[in-house]
């Protein structure tokens, strides 16, 4: 997935710092900003500990 994402990113001229994992972080951030329950967010991304999710 990483290499395919990088190829698409490069093809459309996006910043090379943008990684596939950036999409995951954005998803978490949007859920939290939209007021979703922290436990729901934690379960969505498969974190074992809430502290890991809180980093985002």
C-alpha atoms as a PDB file:
ATOM      1  CA  UNK A   1       0.000   0.000   0.000  1.00  0.00           C
ATOM      2  CA  UNK A   2       2.815   2.387   0.859  1.00  0.00           C
ATOM      3  CA  UNK A   3       4.532   2.082  -2.491  1.00  0.00           C
ATOM      4  CA  UNK A   4       1.293   2.399  -4.451  1.00  0.00           C
ATOM      5  CA  UNK A   5       0.262   5.450  -2.426  1.00  0.00           C
ATOM      6  CA  UNK A   6       3.712   6.988  -2.988  1.00  0.00           C
ATOM      7  CA  UNK A   7       3.400   6.427  -6.723  1.00  0.00           C
ATOM      8  CA  UNK A   8      -0.011   8.140  -6.839  1.00  0.00           C
ATOM      9  CA  UNK A   9       1.210  10.947  -4.575  1.00  0.00           C
ATOM     10  CA  UNK A  10       4.193  11.561  -6.819  1.00  0.00           C
ATOM     11  CA  UNK A  11       2.094  11.341  -9.981  1.00  0.00           C
ATOM     12  CA  UNK A  12      -0.187  14.156  -8.841  1.00  0.00           C
ATOM     13  CA  UNK A  13       2.620  16.247  -7.392  1.00  0.00           C
ATOM     14  CA  UNK A  14       1.793  16.105  -3.701  1.00  0.00           C
ATOM     15  CA  UNK A  15       4.395  16.745  -1.014  1.00  0.00           C
ATOM     16  CA  UNK A  16       6.757  13.758  -0.656  1.00  0.00           C
ATOM     17  CA  UNK A  17       6.377  14.021   3.133  1.00  0.00           C
ATOM     18  CA  UNK A  18       2.782  12.803   2.735  1.00  0.00           C
ATOM     19  CA  UNK A  19       2.670   9.094   3.598  1.00  0.00           C
ATOM     20  CA  UNK A  20      -0.049   6.483   3.570  1.00  0.00           C
ATOM     21  CA  UNK A  21      -0.079   6.595   7.380  1.00  0.00           C
ATOM     22  CA  UNK A  22      -0.949  10.301   7.112  1.00  0.00           C
ATOM     23  CA  UNK A  23      -4.438   9.258   5.983  1.00  0.00           C
ATOM     24  CA  UNK A  24      -4.864   7.173   9.126  1.00  0.00           C
ATOM     25  CA  UNK A  25      -3.779  10.065  11.335  1.00  0.00           C
ATOM     26  CA  UNK A  26      -6.177  12.392   9.516  1.00  0.00           C
ATOM     27  CA  UNK A  27      -9.043   9.921   9.983  1.00  0.00           C
ATOM     28  CA  UNK A  28      -8.373   9.765  13.726  1.00  0.00           C
ATOM     29  CA  UNK A  29      -8.123  13.542  13.976  1.00  0.00           C
ATOM     30  CA  UNK A  30     -11.408  14.066  12.109  1.00  0.00           C
ATOM     31  CA  UNK A  31     -13.216  11.569  14.339  1.00  0.00           C
ATOM     32  CA  UNK A  32     -11.947  13.285  17.470  1.00  0.00           C
ATOM     33  CA  UNK A  33     -12.720  16.782  16.151  1.00  0.00           C
ATOM     34  CA  UNK A  34     -16.236  15.640  15.224  1.00  0.00           C
ATOM     35  CA  UNK A  35     -16.809  14.624  18.850  1.00  0.00           C
ATOM     36  CA  UNK A  36     -16.828  10.856  18.454  1.00  0.00           C
ATOM     37  CA  UNK A  37     -16.538   8.823  21.629  1.00  0.00           C
ATOM     38  CA  UNK A  38     -12.839   8.234  22.433  1.00  0.00           C
ATOM     39  CA  UNK A  39     -13.439   4.511  22.932  1.00  0.00           C
ATOM     40  CA  UNK A  40     -15.062   4.286  19.499  1.00  0.00           C
ATOM     41  CA  UNK A  41     -12.053   6.031  17.933  1.00  0.00           C
ATOM     42  CA  UNK A  42      -9.657   3.724  19.762  1.00  0.00           C
ATOM     43  CA  UNK A  43     -11.543   0.665  18.530  1.00  0.00           C
ATOM     44  CA  UNK A  44     -11.745   1.998  14.967  1.00  0.00           C
ATOM     45  CA  UNK A  45      -7.984   2.209  14.688  1.00  0.00           C
ATOM     46  CA  UNK A  46      -7.185  -0.878  16.727  1.00  0.00           C
ATOM     47  CA  UNK A  47      -5.145   0.746  19.464  1.00  0.00           C
ATOM     48  CA  UNK A  48      -4.736  -1.311  22.624  1.00  0.00           C
ATOM     49  CA  UNK A  49      -4.310   1.785  24.788  1.00  0.00           C
ATOM     50  CA  UNK A  50      -6.232   5.052  24.828  1.00  0.00           C
ATOM     51  CA  UNK A  51      -2.949   6.884  25.359  1.00  0.00           C
ATOM     52  CA  UNK A  52      -1.833   5.810  21.880  1.00  0.00           C
ATOM     53  CA  UNK A  53      -4.989   7.242  20.321  1.00  0.00           C
ATOM     54  CA  UNK A  54      -4.596  10.436  22.383  1.00  0.00           C
ATOM     55  CA  UNK A  55      -1.301  11.168  20.636  1.00  0.00           C
ATOM     56  CA  UNK A  56      -3.270  12.014  17.484  1.00  0.00           C
END
